[in-house]
Protein backbone atom coordinates (compact mmCIF):
# COMPACT_ATOMS: atom_id res chain seq x y z
CA MET A 1 78.10 104.26 99.65
CA LYS A 2 76.40 100.94 100.14
CA LYS A 3 73.84 100.73 102.93
CA LEU A 4 75.07 98.64 105.85
CA ASP A 5 73.19 95.55 106.90
CA GLU A 6 72.28 95.01 110.58
CA PHE A 7 75.46 93.07 111.41
CA GLU A 8 77.72 95.67 109.78
CA GLN A 9 75.84 98.49 111.53
CA ASP A 10 76.34 96.76 114.90
CA ILE A 11 80.08 96.54 114.24
CA LEU A 12 80.25 100.20 113.26
CA ASN A 13 78.29 101.25 116.36
CA ASP A 14 80.56 99.18 118.62
CA TYR A 15 83.63 100.72 116.99
CA GLU A 16 82.32 104.25 117.36
CA THR A 17 81.42 103.75 121.04
CA GLY A 18 84.90 102.38 121.80
CA GLU A 19 83.87 98.82 122.63
CA PHE A 20 86.66 97.36 120.50
CA LYS A 21 90.07 97.21 122.13
CA SER A 22 93.41 97.05 120.34
CA THR A 23 95.07 93.66 120.45
CA ALA A 24 98.45 94.88 119.25
CA PRO A 25 101.23 92.46 120.13
CA SER A 26 103.74 93.37 122.81
CA LYS A 27 107.23 94.57 121.89
CA THR A 28 108.70 91.19 122.82
CA ASP A 29 106.14 89.43 120.60
CA LEU A 30 106.96 91.80 117.75
CA ALA A 31 110.67 91.09 118.18
CA LYS A 32 110.01 87.31 118.05
CA PHE A 33 107.81 87.66 114.96
CA LYS A 34 110.41 89.82 113.22
CA ALA A 35 113.22 87.34 114.02
CA ALA A 36 111.15 84.43 112.74
CA ALA A 37 110.25 86.25 109.52
CA THR A 38 113.86 87.25 108.94
CA ALA A 39 115.13 83.71 109.51
CA THR A 40 112.46 82.29 107.21
CA PHE A 41 113.22 84.49 104.25
CA ILE A 42 117.01 84.73 104.34
CA LYS A 43 118.23 83.82 100.89
CA ASP A 44 121.81 82.78 101.38
CA ARG A 45 122.18 80.15 98.65
CA ARG A 46 122.12 80.42 94.89
CA ILE A 47 121.10 77.66 92.48
CA ASN A 48 121.02 77.42 88.71
CA ILE A 49 118.47 75.31 86.88
CA ARG A 50 117.63 74.73 83.26
CA LEU A 51 114.00 75.04 82.16
CA SER A 52 112.35 74.65 78.82
CA SER A 53 111.40 77.94 77.18
CA PRO A 54 107.65 77.17 77.29
CA ASP A 55 107.83 76.33 81.02
CA LEU A 56 109.72 79.53 81.79
CA MET A 57 107.24 81.59 79.75
CA ASP A 58 104.33 79.98 81.65
CA ILE A 59 106.02 80.68 85.00
CA GLN A 60 106.67 84.29 84.00
CA ALA A 61 103.03 84.70 82.95
CA ARG A 62 101.79 83.30 86.28
CA ALA A 63 104.18 85.55 88.20
CA LEU A 64 102.88 88.52 86.23
CA GLU A 65 99.31 87.56 87.20
CA GLU A 66 100.43 87.48 90.86
CA GLY A 67 102.22 90.81 90.45
CA ILE A 68 105.61 89.53 91.60
CA PRO A 69 108.95 88.90 89.87
CA TYR A 70 109.21 85.42 88.37
CA GLN A 71 112.29 84.49 90.45
CA THR A 72 110.39 85.40 93.63
CA PHE A 73 107.46 83.34 92.35
CA ILE A 74 109.71 80.31 91.77
CA ALA A 75 111.28 80.71 95.23
CA SER A 76 107.79 80.88 96.77
CA ILE A 77 106.69 77.69 95.02
CA LEU A 78 109.82 75.87 96.16
CA HIS A 79 109.39 77.12 99.72
CA LYS A 80 105.77 75.95 99.84
CA TYR A 81 106.75 72.54 98.44
CA ALA A 82 109.61 72.13 100.93
CA ALA A 83 107.27 73.11 103.78
CA GLY A 84 104.70 70.52 102.67
CA ARG A 85 102.06 73.09 101.74
CA LEU A 86 102.08 72.55 97.97
CA PHE A 87 100.25 69.57 96.55
CA GLU A 88 99.66 68.36 93.03
CA LYS A 89 96.06 68.40 91.90
CA PRO A 90 94.80 64.98 90.83
CA SER A 91 94.49 64.79 87.09
CA ARG A 92 91.31 63.72 85.38
CA LEU A 93 93.47 61.34 83.37
CA THR A 94 94.98 59.46 86.31
CA ARG A 95 92.97 56.87 88.15
CA ARG A 96 92.24 57.23 91.84
CA SER A 97 93.97 54.80 94.15
CA SER A 98 90.57 53.49 95.29
CA GLU A 99 89.59 52.54 91.74
CA PRO A 100 90.55 49.06 90.58
CA ALA A 101 93.20 48.93 87.89
CA GLN A 102 91.94 47.86 84.50
CA LYS A 103 93.46 44.65 83.21
CA ARG A 104 95.24 44.83 79.90
CA ALA A 105 93.83 42.75 77.15
CA THR A 106 96.31 40.13 76.05
CA PRO A 107 96.68 39.57 72.29
């Protein structure tokens, strides 16, 4: 086992002497959290989409890396996008909005 540094040893000592107290949520808080989680993840609608084979293969590979089914992976991506938590990375090929546009040369 790795030797603990001073900070880790302090935490272990505090734990062993009972200085840490449980902060478990109350039963009413647990009920609220459970209701919110259930409402968030209810899947009551079905959609069908067409994807190119290469895109589907890439999605399936990424889902495999995450260790989840690809349909769950797709649903997660869509949920994050709808919630405003999924953003496109700027490409090296696109110019930044602060950069001036290059003028086209006229023939």
